[in-house]
Amino acid sequence: MPFLFYDPTYLLFMAPAFILMLLTQLYVNSAYKKWSRITSNSRMSASQAAQKLIMHSGLYDVQVEGVRGNLTDHYDPRSKRLRLSEGVYQSQSVAALAIAAHELGHAMQDQEGYFPLRLRAALVPAVNIGSYLGWILIFIGMLLRATNIAWLGLLVFSGGAIFALATLPVELNASARARRLLTESGLIYGEDEQRGVNTVLNAAALTYVAALVTAVLQLLYWASIVTGMGRRRR
């Protein structure tokens, strides 16, 4: 929706989100760049560390494989695959171990049936539809001056903010599991390495905070538009 950038009200609502997203990206890049250059004392690659953590956690059905791309690391619950990006898979850095452990945290959530993870997965279809249908209904409501349709569109559009909110505890919990796994398994030790792990994981968590702030502010913008419609009708 490029035309929204010509709306001063939209820019007023979204400016804090744009600034937060920019600062977050700079922080993430800085943290990853720094700690990807520092080799962990274990001298294990992220793929080897993941295998060790899988045995340590008893997740024997989880397989580790490489995937193309930069920071495309993820856990696929359907195939029970922990996929590590090209820059992480063979890396022995503190950052790579933190990323691998974080994704394994998601595998642990999947095994335990962690409710926030299930909730987020259940929201995906509705969010995919709502991200397009929501603002279309809002515009139809605006064109027809039908506030009921516009409010319906706002309700559908709110799925994005709800999904961002549901994602936050999932990611924070996975990071907490990663810290514990790396410490208990002995892959990370010493204050310096622990600080590196915390920095990388905190930077990653901040991206989800920024996504939530962006979704909420965008929702508030549309709510102000729809509310304004109702006032004009009265």
Protein backbone atom coordinates (compact mmCIF):
# COMPACT_ATOMS: atom_id res chain seq x y z
CA MET A 1 0.00 0.00 0.00
CA PRO A 2 2.52 2.64 -1.14
CA PHE A 3 -0.11 5.40 -1.27
CA LEU A 4 -0.30 5.33 2.53
CA PHE A 5 3.10 6.99 2.67
CA TYR A 6 1.44 10.13 1.30
CA ASP A 7 -0.93 10.23 4.26
CA PRO A 8 0.60 12.36 7.06
CA THR A 9 -1.54 10.56 9.64
CA TYR A 10 -0.14 7.20 8.57
CA LEU A 11 3.40 8.52 8.84
CA LEU A 12 2.60 9.94 12.28
CA PHE A 13 1.37 6.55 13.50
CA MET A 14 4.14 4.51 11.87
CA ALA A 15 7.18 6.73 12.42
CA PRO A 16 7.99 5.14 15.82
CA ALA A 17 7.74 1.68 14.24
CA PHE A 18 10.00 2.64 11.34
CA ILE A 19 12.61 4.03 13.75
CA LEU A 20 12.41 0.96 16.00
CA MET A 21 12.72 -1.40 13.03
CA LEU A 22 15.78 0.48 11.76
CA LEU A 23 17.50 0.49 15.15
CA THR A 24 16.63 -3.18 15.64
CA GLN A 25 18.12 -4.16 12.30
CA LEU A 26 21.31 -2.24 13.07
CA TYR A 27 21.55 -3.94 16.47
CA VAL A 28 20.93 -7.40 15.02
CA ASN A 29 23.52 -6.93 12.29
CA SER A 30 26.06 -5.58 14.78
CA ALA A 31 25.51 -8.40 17.29
CA TYR A 32 25.64 -11.14 14.67
CA LYS A 33 28.67 -9.65 12.92
CA LYS A 34 30.63 -9.38 16.16
CA TRP A 35 29.86 -12.80 17.64
CA SER A 36 30.04 -14.67 14.33
CA ARG A 37 33.74 -13.80 14.30
CA ILE A 38 34.39 -15.25 17.75
CA THR A 39 34.98 -18.99 17.84
CA SER A 40 33.48 -20.86 20.78
CA ASN A 41 35.80 -22.71 23.12
CA SER A 42 34.06 -25.98 22.26
CA ARG A 43 35.35 -25.70 18.67
CA MET A 44 32.18 -27.46 17.50
CA SER A 45 30.30 -26.37 14.40
CA ALA A 46 26.66 -25.39 14.79
CA SER A 47 25.58 -28.63 13.10
CA GLN A 48 27.70 -30.70 15.48
CA ALA A 49 26.47 -28.70 18.45
CA ALA A 50 22.88 -29.24 17.33
CA GLN A 51 23.46 -33.01 17.19
CA LYS A 52 24.90 -32.95 20.69
CA LEU A 53 21.97 -30.89 21.98
CA ILE A 54 19.51 -33.26 20.30
CA MET A 55 21.06 -36.19 22.21
CA HIS A 56 21.15 -34.12 25.40
CA SER A 57 17.45 -33.28 25.06
CA GLY A 58 16.29 -36.71 23.92
CA LEU A 59 14.91 -35.39 20.61
CA TYR A 60 16.05 -38.43 18.67
CA ASP A 61 13.58 -37.96 15.80
CA VAL A 62 14.92 -34.49 14.91
CA GLN A 63 17.31 -34.32 11.94
CA VAL A 64 19.77 -31.50 11.17
CA GLU A 65 20.37 -30.28 7.64
CA GLY A 66 21.63 -27.24 5.80
CA VAL A 67 19.46 -24.76 3.95
CA ARG A 68 20.34 -22.04 1.48
CA GLY A 69 20.20 -18.38 2.32
CA ASN A 70 21.43 -16.01 5.01
CA LEU A 71 19.92 -16.40 8.49
CA THR A 72 17.21 -18.68 7.08
CA ASP A 73 17.57 -20.97 10.09
CA HIS A 74 14.33 -22.57 11.26
CA TYR A 75 12.74 -25.68 12.70
CA ASP A 76 10.11 -27.44 10.58
CA PRO A 77 7.67 -29.29 12.88
CA ARG A 78 6.10 -31.18 9.97
CA SER A 79 9.26 -32.98 8.92
CA LYS A 80 11.07 -32.72 12.28
CA ARG A 81 13.96 -30.99 10.53
CA LEU A 82 16.23 -28.40 12.11
CA ARG A 83 17.55 -26.40 9.16
CA LEU A 84 20.64 -24.23 9.51
CA SER A 85 21.65 -21.59 6.98
CA GLU A 86 24.88 -21.68 5.01
CA GLY A 87 26.62 -19.18 7.28
CA VAL A 88 25.64 -21.06 10.43
CA TYR A 89 25.79 -24.78 9.57
CA GLN A 90 29.60 -25.18 9.55
CA SER A 91 30.42 -22.15 11.70
CA GLN A 92 32.07 -22.66 15.08
CA SER A 93 31.16 -19.18 16.28
CA VAL A 94 29.31 -18.23 19.44
CA ALA A 95 26.58 -16.67 17.30
CA ALA A 96 26.09 -19.89 15.29
CA LEU A 97 25.76 -22.00 18.43
CA ALA A 98 23.22 -19.55 19.87
CA ILE A 99 21.13 -19.71 16.69
CA ALA A 100 21.24 -23.52 16.50
CA ALA A 101 20.24 -23.83 20.16
CA HIS A 102 17.38 -21.36 19.67
CA GLU A 103 15.94 -23.41 16.81
CA LEU A 104 16.32 -26.55 18.88
CA GLY A 105 14.30 -24.75 21.54
CA HIS A 106 11.45 -24.74 19.03
CA ALA A 107 11.91 -28.47 18.54
CA MET A 108 11.55 -28.95 22.28
CA GLN A 109 8.38 -26.85 22.24
CA ASP A 110 7.02 -29.02 19.45
CA GLN A 111 7.77 -32.23 21.32
CA GLU A 112 6.10 -30.92 24.49
CA GLY A 113 3.05 -29.56 22.68
CA TYR A 114 3.86 -26.06 23.95
CA PHE A 115 0.52 -24.22 23.78
CA PRO A 116 1.76 -20.82 22.47
CA LEU A 117 3.50 -22.66 19.60
CA ARG A 118 0.29 -24.51 18.72
CA LEU A 119 -1.69 -21.29 18.94
CA ARG A 120 0.70 -19.50 16.59
CA ALA A 121 0.51 -22.36 14.08
CA ALA A 122 -3.30 -22.31 14.24
CA LEU A 123 -3.33 -18.57 13.52
CA VAL A 124 -1.25 -18.81 10.33
CA PRO A 125 -4.11 -19.51 7.84
CA ALA A 126 -6.30 -16.74 9.29
CA VAL A 127 -3.43 -14.26 9.26
CA ASN A 128 -2.51 -15.07 5.65
CA ILE A 129 -6.08 -14.33 4.58
CA GLY A 130 -6.64 -11.41 6.93
CA SER A 131 -3.51 -9.52 5.86
CA TYR A 132 -5.07 -9.04 2.42
CA LEU A 133 -8.79 -9.25 3.07
CA GLY A 134 -8.82 -6.93 6.07
CA TRP A 135 -7.75 -3.69 4.45
CA ILE A 136 -9.80 -4.53 1.31
CA LEU A 137 -12.94 -4.70 3.47
CA ILE A 138 -11.94 -1.45 5.16
CA PHE A 139 -11.65 0.30 1.79
CA ILE A 140 -14.95 -1.15 0.60
CA GLY A 141 -16.53 0.13 3.78
CA MET A 142 -14.99 3.55 3.22
CA LEU A 143 -16.16 3.72 -0.40
CA LEU A 144 -19.68 2.61 0.47
CA ARG A 145 -19.65 4.54 3.75
CA ALA A 146 -20.63 1.31 5.43
CA THR A 147 -19.05 1.35 8.88
CA ASN A 148 -20.13 -2.23 9.60
CA ILE A 149 -18.06 -3.52 6.69
CA ALA A 150 -15.14 -1.32 7.71
CA TRP A 151 -15.24 -2.62 11.30
CA LEU A 152 -15.39 -6.18 9.98
CA GLY A 153 -12.31 -5.44 7.92
CA LEU A 154 -10.57 -4.05 10.99
CA LEU A 155 -11.43 -7.17 12.95
CA VAL A 156 -10.02 -9.39 10.19
CA PHE A 157 -6.94 -7.18 9.87
CA SER A 158 -6.27 -7.44 13.61
CA GLY A 159 -5.12 -11.03 13.05
CA GLY A 160 -1.66 -9.73 12.18
CA ALA A 161 -1.27 -8.02 15.56
CA ILE A 162 -2.64 -11.08 17.37
CA PHE A 163 -0.17 -13.30 15.50
CA ALA A 164 2.73 -10.99 16.42
CA LEU A 165 1.62 -11.07 20.05
CA ALA A 166 1.37 -14.88 20.01
CA THR A 167 4.83 -15.14 18.43
CA LEU A 168 6.61 -13.19 21.15
CA PRO A 169 6.31 -15.74 24.00
CA VAL A 170 7.20 -18.56 21.59
CA GLU A 171 10.47 -16.87 20.63
CA LEU A 172 11.36 -15.73 24.15
CA ASN A 173 10.77 -19.23 25.48
CA ALA A 174 12.92 -20.77 22.73
CA SER A 175 15.74 -18.37 23.63
CA ALA A 176 15.44 -19.23 27.33
CA ARG A 177 15.67 -22.92 26.44
CA ALA A 178 18.70 -22.21 24.25
CA ARG A 179 20.58 -20.49 27.07
CA ARG A 180 19.85 -23.37 29.42
CA LEU A 181 20.79 -26.02 26.86
CA LEU A 182 24.11 -24.44 25.97
CA THR A 183 25.07 -24.07 29.61
CA GLU A 184 23.92 -27.51 30.79
CA SER A 185 25.59 -29.29 27.85
CA GLY A 186 28.89 -27.49 28.41
CA LEU A 187 28.99 -26.07 24.89
CA ILE A 188 29.15 -22.54 26.26
CA TYR A 189 31.07 -21.60 29.36
CA GLY A 190 32.66 -18.50 30.76
CA GLU A 191 31.17 -15.03 31.13
CA ASP A 192 32.38 -13.84 27.72
CA GLU A 193 30.70 -16.62 25.74
CA GLN A 194 27.55 -16.36 27.84
CA ARG A 195 27.43 -12.64 27.12
CA GLY A 196 27.76 -13.35 23.42
CA VAL A 197 24.90 -15.85 23.47
CA ASN A 198 22.71 -13.41 25.40
CA THR A 199 23.51 -10.58 23.00
CA VAL A 200 22.65 -12.62 19.90
CA LEU A 201 19.44 -14.01 21.37
CA ASN A 202 18.34 -10.64 22.75
CA ALA A 203 18.91 -9.05 19.37
CA ALA A 204 16.78 -11.73 17.72
CA ALA A 205 14.02 -11.24 20.32
CA LEU A 206 14.00 -7.51 19.66
CA THR A 207 13.00 -8.15 16.05
CA TYR A 208 9.78 -9.76 17.27
CA VAL A 209 9.13 -6.86 19.62
CA ALA A 210 9.55 -4.48 16.69
CA ALA A 211 7.18 -6.60 14.59
CA LEU A 212 4.56 -6.46 17.36
CA VAL A 213 4.89 -2.68 17.74
CA THR A 214 4.57 -2.27 13.97
CA ALA A 215 1.46 -4.47 13.78
CA VAL A 216 -0.23 -2.70 16.70
CA LEU A 217 0.49 0.79 15.36
CA GLN A 218 -0.80 -0.18 11.93
CA LEU A 219 -3.94 -1.56 13.53
CA LEU A 220 -4.40 1.66 15.51
CA TYR A 221 -4.06 3.69 12.32
CA TRP A 222 -6.86 1.77 10.63
CA ALA A 223 -8.94 1.96 13.81
CA SER A 224 -8.60 5.75 13.72
CA ILE A 225 -9.79 5.77 10.11
CA VAL A 226 -12.82 3.61 10.83
CA THR A 227 -13.68 5.54 13.99
CA GLY A 228 -13.47 8.76 12.00
CA MET A 229 -15.95 7.33 9.50
CA GLY A 230 -18.45 6.69 12.27
CA ARG A 231 -18.09 10.19 13.62
CA ARG A 232 -18.64 11.76 10.22
CA ARG A 233 -21.83 9.73 9.73
CA ARG A 234 -23.25 11.09 12.99
